Amino acid sequence: MKRKYTIFIAMMALLQLAGCANLGVQPWERDLLAKDEMALDSEGVDIGLDDHIYFSKEATSGGRSFAGGGCGCN
């Protein structure tokens, strides 16, 4: 029973390692990822609204890209 358990654990470990075998973007996938709608900030209006919210709540500008301080109570 212990041998079967050890074989099972070893097989599970190998399967998990095989899941990491394909890391990165293949050349034929780059055309799909380069489209405008795939960008994290593809909507200009949404970016403007987010910047306004971050500025109003955090009392900083550019709070989306780094940690800013302030509660805006000034």
N, C-alpha and C. Protein backbone atom coordinates (compact mmCIF):
# COMPACT_ATOMS: atom_id res chain seq x y z
N MET A 1 0.83 -1.19 0.00
CA MET A 1 0.00 0.00 0.00
C MET A 1 0.87 1.26 0.00
N LYS A 2 1.96 1.22 0.74
CA LYS A 2 2.84 2.38 0.82
C LYS A 2 3.52 2.63 -0.53
N ARG A 3 3.84 1.56 -1.24
CA ARG A 3 4.48 1.69 -2.55
C ARG A 3 3.51 2.34 -3.56
N LYS A 4 2.24 1.94 -3.53
CA LYS A 4 1.25 2.54 -4.42
C LYS A 4 1.07 4.02 -4.12
N TYR A 5 1.07 4.36 -2.85
CA TYR A 5 0.94 5.75 -2.45
C TYR A 5 2.14 6.57 -2.94
N THR A 6 3.33 6.02 -2.84
CA THR A 6 4.54 6.71 -3.30
C THR A 6 4.51 6.90 -4.81
N ILE A 7 4.09 5.88 -5.54
CA ILE A 7 3.99 5.98 -6.99
C ILE A 7 2.94 7.02 -7.38
N PHE A 8 1.83 7.03 -6.66
CA PHE A 8 0.78 8.02 -6.93
C PHE A 8 1.29 9.45 -6.72
N ILE A 9 2.00 9.67 -5.63
CA ILE A 9 2.55 11.00 -5.34
C ILE A 9 3.57 11.40 -6.40
N ALA A 10 4.41 10.45 -6.83
CA ALA A 10 5.41 10.75 -7.86
C ALA A 10 4.73 11.09 -9.18
N MET A 11 3.68 10.37 -9.54
CA MET A 11 2.96 10.66 -10.79
C MET A 11 2.28 12.02 -10.73
N MET A 12 1.71 12.37 -9.60
CA MET A 12 1.08 13.68 -9.44
C MET A 12 2.12 14.79 -9.56
N ALA A 13 3.29 14.60 -9.00
CA ALA A 13 4.35 15.60 -9.09
C ALA A 13 4.80 15.76 -10.53
N LEU A 14 4.92 14.67 -11.27
CA LEU A 14 5.32 14.76 -12.67
C LEU A 14 4.25 15.46 -13.52
N LEU A 15 3.00 15.19 -13.23
CA LEU A 15 1.93 15.86 -13.96
C LEU A 15 1.92 17.36 -13.68
N GLN A 16 2.19 17.75 -12.46
CA GLN A 16 2.24 19.17 -12.13
C GLN A 16 3.41 19.84 -12.81
N LEU A 17 4.54 19.17 -12.88
CA LEU A 17 5.69 19.74 -13.56
C LEU A 17 5.45 19.85 -15.06
N ALA A 18 4.72 18.93 -15.62
CA ALA A 18 4.42 18.97 -17.05
C ALA A 18 3.52 20.15 -17.39
N GLY A 19 2.75 20.63 -16.43
CA GLY A 19 1.90 21.79 -16.66
C GLY A 19 2.68 23.06 -16.87
N CYS A 20 3.92 23.11 -16.43
CA CYS A 20 4.77 24.30 -16.57
C CYS A 20 5.67 24.21 -17.79
N ALA A 21 5.49 23.23 -18.62
CA ALA A 21 6.39 23.03 -19.74
C ALA A 21 6.22 24.08 -20.83
N ASN A 22 5.04 24.67 -20.97
CA ASN A 22 4.79 25.62 -22.04
C ASN A 22 4.56 27.00 -21.43
N LEU A 23 5.64 27.70 -21.13
CA LEU A 23 5.53 29.05 -20.60
C LEU A 23 5.86 30.04 -21.69
N GLY A 24 5.14 31.14 -21.70
CA GLY A 24 5.40 32.18 -22.69
C GLY A 24 4.43 32.14 -23.84
N VAL A 25 4.55 33.14 -24.69
CA VAL A 25 3.68 33.31 -25.84
C VAL A 25 4.39 32.80 -27.08
N GLN A 26 3.73 31.98 -27.80
CA GLN A 26 4.29 31.45 -29.05
C GLN A 26 4.19 32.51 -30.15
N PRO A 27 5.04 32.47 -31.16
CA PRO A 27 5.01 33.48 -32.22
C PRO A 27 3.66 33.57 -32.94
N TRP A 28 2.98 32.49 -33.12
CA TRP A 28 1.70 32.52 -33.84
C TRP A 28 0.56 33.04 -32.95
N GLU A 29 0.80 33.21 -31.65
CA GLU A 29 -0.21 33.76 -30.76
C GLU A 29 -0.07 35.28 -30.59
N ARG A 30 1.01 35.83 -31.02
CA ARG A 30 1.28 37.25 -30.79
C ARG A 30 0.36 38.16 -31.58
N ASP A 31 -0.13 37.71 -32.72
CA ASP A 31 -1.03 38.57 -33.49
C ASP A 31 -2.35 38.80 -32.76
N LEU A 32 -2.82 37.80 -32.04
CA LEU A 32 -4.06 37.96 -31.28
C LEU A 32 -3.86 38.85 -30.05
N LEU A 33 -2.72 38.72 -29.40
CA LEU A 33 -2.47 39.51 -28.20
C LEU A 33 -2.10 40.95 -28.51
N ALA A 34 -1.73 41.26 -29.74
CA ALA A 34 -1.35 42.61 -30.12
C ALA A 34 -2.56 43.47 -30.50
N LYS A 35 -3.74 42.91 -30.53
CA LYS A 35 -4.93 43.69 -30.89
C LYS A 35 -5.24 44.71 -29.80
N ASP A 36 -5.87 45.82 -30.20
CA ASP A 36 -6.18 46.90 -29.26
C ASP A 36 -7.11 46.45 -28.13
N GLU A 37 -8.07 45.60 -28.45
CA GLU A 37 -9.03 45.17 -27.42
C GLU A 37 -8.42 44.23 -26.38
N MET A 38 -7.21 43.73 -26.63
CA MET A 38 -6.54 42.87 -25.67
C MET A 38 -5.70 43.66 -24.66
N ALA A 39 -5.56 44.96 -24.86
CA ALA A 39 -4.77 45.78 -23.96
C ALA A 39 -5.49 45.92 -22.62
N LEU A 40 -4.71 46.07 -21.55
CA LEU A 40 -5.30 46.22 -20.22
C LEU A 40 -6.03 47.55 -20.08
N ASP A 41 -5.62 48.54 -20.84
CA ASP A 41 -6.24 49.86 -20.77
C ASP A 41 -6.74 50.28 -22.15
N SER A 42 -7.60 49.47 -22.73
CA SER A 42 -8.05 49.72 -24.10
C SER A 42 -9.13 50.79 -24.18
N GLU A 43 -9.85 51.04 -23.12
CA GLU A 43 -10.93 52.03 -23.13
C GLU A 43 -10.45 53.34 -22.53
N GLY A 44 -10.35 54.38 -23.37
CA GLY A 44 -9.85 55.68 -22.92
C GLY A 44 -10.74 56.34 -21.89
N VAL A 45 -12.07 56.23 -22.05
CA VAL A 45 -12.99 56.86 -21.11
C VAL A 45 -12.86 56.20 -19.73
N ASP A 46 -12.75 54.89 -19.70
CA ASP A 46 -12.60 54.19 -18.43
C ASP A 46 -11.31 54.58 -17.72
N ILE A 47 -10.25 54.79 -18.48
CA ILE A 47 -8.98 55.19 -17.88
C ILE A 47 -9.12 56.57 -17.25
N GLY A 48 -9.79 57.48 -17.95
CA GLY A 48 -10.00 58.82 -17.41
C GLY A 48 -10.83 58.80 -16.14
N LEU A 49 -11.87 57.99 -16.11
CA LEU A 49 -12.70 57.88 -14.91
C LEU A 49 -11.92 57.26 -13.75
N ASP A 50 -11.15 56.23 -14.05
CA ASP A 50 -10.34 55.60 -13.01
C ASP A 50 -9.32 56.57 -12.44
N ASP A 51 -8.67 57.35 -13.31
CA ASP A 51 -7.70 58.33 -12.84
C ASP A 51 -8.37 59.37 -11.95
N HIS A 52 -9.57 59.81 -12.32
CA HIS A 52 -10.28 60.78 -11.50
C HIS A 52 -10.63 60.21 -10.13
N ILE A 53 -11.07 58.96 -10.11
CA ILE A 53 -11.42 58.33 -8.84
C ILE A 53 -10.19 58.17 -7.96
N TYR A 54 -9.09 57.70 -8.54
CA TYR A 54 -7.86 57.54 -7.75
C TYR A 54 -7.37 58.88 -7.24
N PHE A 55 -7.46 59.92 -8.07
CA PHE A 55 -7.00 61.25 -7.64
C PHE A 55 -7.88 61.77 -6.52
N SER A 56 -9.19 61.58 -6.64
CA SER A 56 -10.12 62.10 -5.64
C SER A 56 -10.00 61.35 -4.32
N LYS A 57 -9.86 60.06 -4.36
CA LYS A 57 -9.84 59.27 -3.14
C LYS A 57 -8.47 59.22 -2.48
N GLU A 58 -7.42 59.24 -3.25
CA GLU A 58 -6.08 59.09 -2.70
C GLU A 58 -5.34 60.41 -2.58
N ALA A 59 -5.89 61.50 -3.13
CA ALA A 59 -5.26 62.82 -3.11
C ALA A 59 -3.89 62.79 -3.76
N THR A 60 -3.73 61.95 -4.76
CA THR A 60 -2.48 61.88 -5.51
C THR A 60 -2.81 61.77 -6.97
N SER A 61 -1.85 62.02 -7.80
CA SER A 61 -2.05 61.78 -9.22
C SER A 61 -1.21 60.58 -9.62
N GLY A 62 -1.70 59.80 -10.53
CA GLY A 62 -0.98 58.62 -10.97
C GLY A 62 -1.02 57.49 -9.96
N GLY A 63 -2.06 57.44 -9.14
CA GLY A 63 -2.14 56.42 -8.10
C GLY A 63 -2.40 55.03 -8.62
N ARG A 64 -2.70 54.93 -9.90
CA ARG A 64 -2.98 53.61 -10.45
C ARG A 64 -1.72 52.79 -10.62
N SER A 65 -0.60 53.43 -10.84
CA SER A 65 0.60 52.67 -11.14
C SER A 65 1.50 52.45 -9.93
N PHE A 66 1.29 53.15 -8.85
CA PHE A 66 2.10 52.96 -7.66
C PHE A 66 1.29 53.32 -6.44
N ALA A 67 1.78 52.94 -5.30
CA ALA A 67 1.06 53.20 -4.05
C ALA A 67 1.20 54.68 -3.70
N GLY A 68 0.08 55.31 -3.45
CA GLY A 68 0.08 56.71 -3.06
C GLY A 68 -0.50 56.87 -1.67
N GLY A 69 -0.31 58.02 -1.11
CA GLY A 69 -0.80 58.22 0.25
C GLY A 69 -1.83 59.31 0.32
N GLY A 70 -2.45 59.42 1.44
CA GLY A 70 -3.40 60.48 1.68
C GLY A 70 -4.83 60.01 1.59
N CYS A 71 -5.66 60.53 2.48
CA CYS A 71 -7.06 60.15 2.46
C CYS A 71 -7.89 61.18 1.73
N GLY A 72 -7.32 62.32 1.34
CA GLY A 72 -8.06 63.34 0.65
C GLY A 72 -8.84 64.24 1.59
N CYS A 73 -8.46 64.29 2.85
CA CYS A 73 -9.19 65.07 3.85
C CYS A 73 -8.73 66.51 3.92
N ASN A 74 -7.81 66.94 3.09
CA ASN A 74 -7.23 68.29 3.20
C ASN A 74 -8.27 69.33 2.94
